[in-house]
Amino acid sequence: MYNLLLTVLLILSVIIVIAIFMQPTKNQSSNVFDSSAGDLFERSKARGFEAVMQNLTGVLIFFWLAIALALTILSSR
């Protein structure tokens, strides 16, 4: 059981890294003093691919944390 959960955790880790790198960038300009700096703090609702990637990343991280917690409990026994 421990080895199976550890394998699933490692696979999820790789999938999470890929999912994070696939997410589109929020700000195209890296200059903080640009005239569009006011847009930096505005929250726009994610739509389409961006929303799917955010939700998928959140779900994957939840499962990763649950499996990591289960591994911690199993290793302490």
C-alpha atoms as a PDB file:
ATOM      1  CA  MET A   1       0.000   0.000   0.000  1.00  0.00           C
ATOM      2  CA  TYR A   2       2.802   2.381   0.930  1.00  0.00           C
ATOM      3  CA  ASN A   3       4.698   1.769  -2.318  1.00  0.00           C
ATOM      4  CA  LEU A   4       1.540   2.220  -4.393  1.00  0.00           C
ATOM      5  CA  LEU A   5       0.746   5.558  -2.741  1.00  0.00           C
ATOM      6  CA  LEU A   6       4.346   6.677  -3.143  1.00  0.00           C
ATOM      7  CA  THR A   7       4.245   5.859  -6.861  1.00  0.00           C
ATOM      8  CA  VAL A   8       0.946   7.728  -7.288  1.00  0.00           C
ATOM      9  CA  LEU A   9       2.421  10.704  -5.403  1.00  0.00           C
ATOM     10  CA  LEU A  10       5.434  10.844  -7.697  1.00  0.00           C
ATOM     11  CA  ILE A  11       3.267  10.616 -10.821  1.00  0.00           C
ATOM     12  CA  LEU A  12       0.971  13.354  -9.495  1.00  0.00           C
ATOM     13  CA  SER A  13       4.007  15.528  -8.790  1.00  0.00           C
ATOM     14  CA  VAL A  14       5.087  15.354 -12.414  1.00  0.00           C
ATOM     15  CA  ILE A  15       1.539  16.028 -13.653  1.00  0.00           C
ATOM     16  CA  ILE A  16       1.223  19.053 -11.332  1.00  0.00           C
ATOM     17  CA  VAL A  17       4.472  20.544 -12.619  1.00  0.00           C
ATOM     18  CA  ILE A  18       3.286  20.083 -16.210  1.00  0.00           C
ATOM     19  CA  ALA A  19      -0.121  21.618 -15.377  1.00  0.00           C
ATOM     20  CA  ILE A  20       1.511  24.651 -13.766  1.00  0.00           C
ATOM     21  CA  PHE A  21       3.799  25.241 -16.749  1.00  0.00           C
ATOM     22  CA  MET A  22       0.837  24.957 -19.148  1.00  0.00           C
ATOM     23  CA  GLN A  23      -1.049  27.805 -17.484  1.00  0.00           C
ATOM     24  CA  PRO A  24      -1.056  31.054 -19.458  1.00  0.00           C
ATOM     25  CA  THR A  25       0.819  34.034 -18.051  1.00  0.00           C
ATOM     26  CA  LYS A  26      -1.214  36.701 -16.334  1.00  0.00           C
ATOM     27  CA  ASN A  27       0.913  39.750 -17.147  1.00  0.00           C
ATOM     28  CA  GLN A  28       2.751  40.152 -20.421  1.00  0.00           C
ATOM     29  CA  SER A  29       4.766  43.165 -19.245  1.00  0.00           C
ATOM     30  CA  SER A  30       7.350  42.654 -16.532  1.00  0.00           C
ATOM     31  CA  ASN A  31       7.885  46.397 -16.051  1.00  0.00           C
ATOM     32  CA  VAL A  32       6.150  47.430 -12.819  1.00  0.00           C
ATOM     33  CA  PHE A  33       6.436  51.136 -13.656  1.00  0.00           C
ATOM     34  CA  ASP A  34       4.629  50.718 -16.965  1.00  0.00           C
ATOM     35  CA  SER A  35       1.552  52.857 -17.621  1.00  0.00           C
ATOM     36  CA  SER A  36      -0.623  49.734 -17.317  1.00  0.00           C
ATOM     37  CA  ALA A  37       0.556  49.033 -13.762  1.00  0.00           C
ATOM     38  CA  GLY A  38      -2.980  49.716 -12.541  1.00  0.00           C
ATOM     39  CA  ASP A  39      -4.057  46.490 -14.219  1.00  0.00           C
ATOM     40  CA  LEU A  40      -1.698  44.543 -11.965  1.00  0.00           C
ATOM     41  CA  PHE A  41      -4.132  44.433  -9.052  1.00  0.00           C
ATOM     42  CA  GLU A  42      -7.344  43.951 -10.996  1.00  0.00           C
ATOM     43  CA  ARG A  43      -8.929  40.524 -10.697  1.00  0.00           C
ATOM     44  CA  SER A  44     -10.462  39.290 -13.888  1.00  0.00           C
ATOM     45  CA  LYS A  45     -12.409  36.066 -13.860  1.00  0.00           C
ATOM     46  CA  ALA A  46     -10.623  33.211 -15.595  1.00  0.00           C
ATOM     47  CA  ARG A  47     -12.411  31.881 -18.668  1.00  0.00           C
ATOM     48  CA  GLY A  48     -11.969  28.956 -20.996  1.00  0.00           C
ATOM     49  CA  PHE A  49      -8.620  27.174 -20.944  1.00  0.00           C
ATOM     50  CA  GLU A  50      -7.312  29.299 -18.072  1.00  0.00           C
ATOM     51  CA  ALA A  51     -10.251  28.388 -15.840  1.00  0.00           C
ATOM     52  CA  VAL A  52      -9.933  24.692 -16.651  1.00  0.00           C
ATOM     53  CA  MET A  53      -6.212  24.727 -15.870  1.00  0.00           C
ATOM     54  CA  GLN A  54      -6.744  26.558 -12.572  1.00  0.00           C
ATOM     55  CA  ASN A  55      -9.427  24.099 -11.471  1.00  0.00           C
ATOM     56  CA  LEU A  56      -7.400  21.085 -12.603  1.00  0.00           C
ATOM     57  CA  THR A  57      -4.324  22.324 -10.746  1.00  0.00           C
ATOM     58  CA  GLY A  58      -6.348  22.877  -7.579  1.00  0.00           C
ATOM     59  CA  VAL A  59      -7.848  19.385  -7.703  1.00  0.00           C
ATOM     60  CA  LEU A  60      -4.473  17.774  -8.402  1.00  0.00           C
ATOM     61  CA  ILE A  61      -2.863  19.621  -5.493  1.00  0.00           C
ATOM     62  CA  PHE A  62      -5.705  18.549  -3.191  1.00  0.00           C
ATOM     63  CA  PHE A  63      -5.158  14.887  -4.106  1.00  0.00           C
ATOM     64  CA  TRP A  64      -1.375  15.325  -3.773  1.00  0.00           C
ATOM     65  CA  LEU A  65      -1.787  16.714  -0.250  1.00  0.00           C
ATOM     66  CA  ALA A  66      -4.227  13.934   0.722  1.00  0.00           C
ATOM     67  CA  ILE A  67      -1.847  11.236  -0.507  1.00  0.00           C
ATOM     68  CA  ALA A  68       1.107  12.916   1.227  1.00  0.00           C
ATOM     69  CA  LEU A  69      -0.875  12.970   4.472  1.00  0.00           C
ATOM     70  CA  ALA A  70      -1.800   9.291   4.056  1.00  0.00           C
ATOM     71  CA  LEU A  71       1.859   8.438   3.444  1.00  0.00           C
ATOM     72  CA  THR A  72       2.829  10.320   6.593  1.00  0.00           C
ATOM     73  CA  ILE A  73       0.274   8.413   8.642  1.00  0.00           C
ATOM     74  CA  LEU A  74       1.327   5.062   7.163  1.00  0.00           C
ATOM     75  CA  SER A  75       5.021   5.744   7.744  1.00  0.00           C
ATOM     76  CA  SER A  76       4.466   6.599  11.408  1.00  0.00           C
ATOM     77  CA  ARG A  77       2.977   3.167  12.125  1.00  0.00           C
END
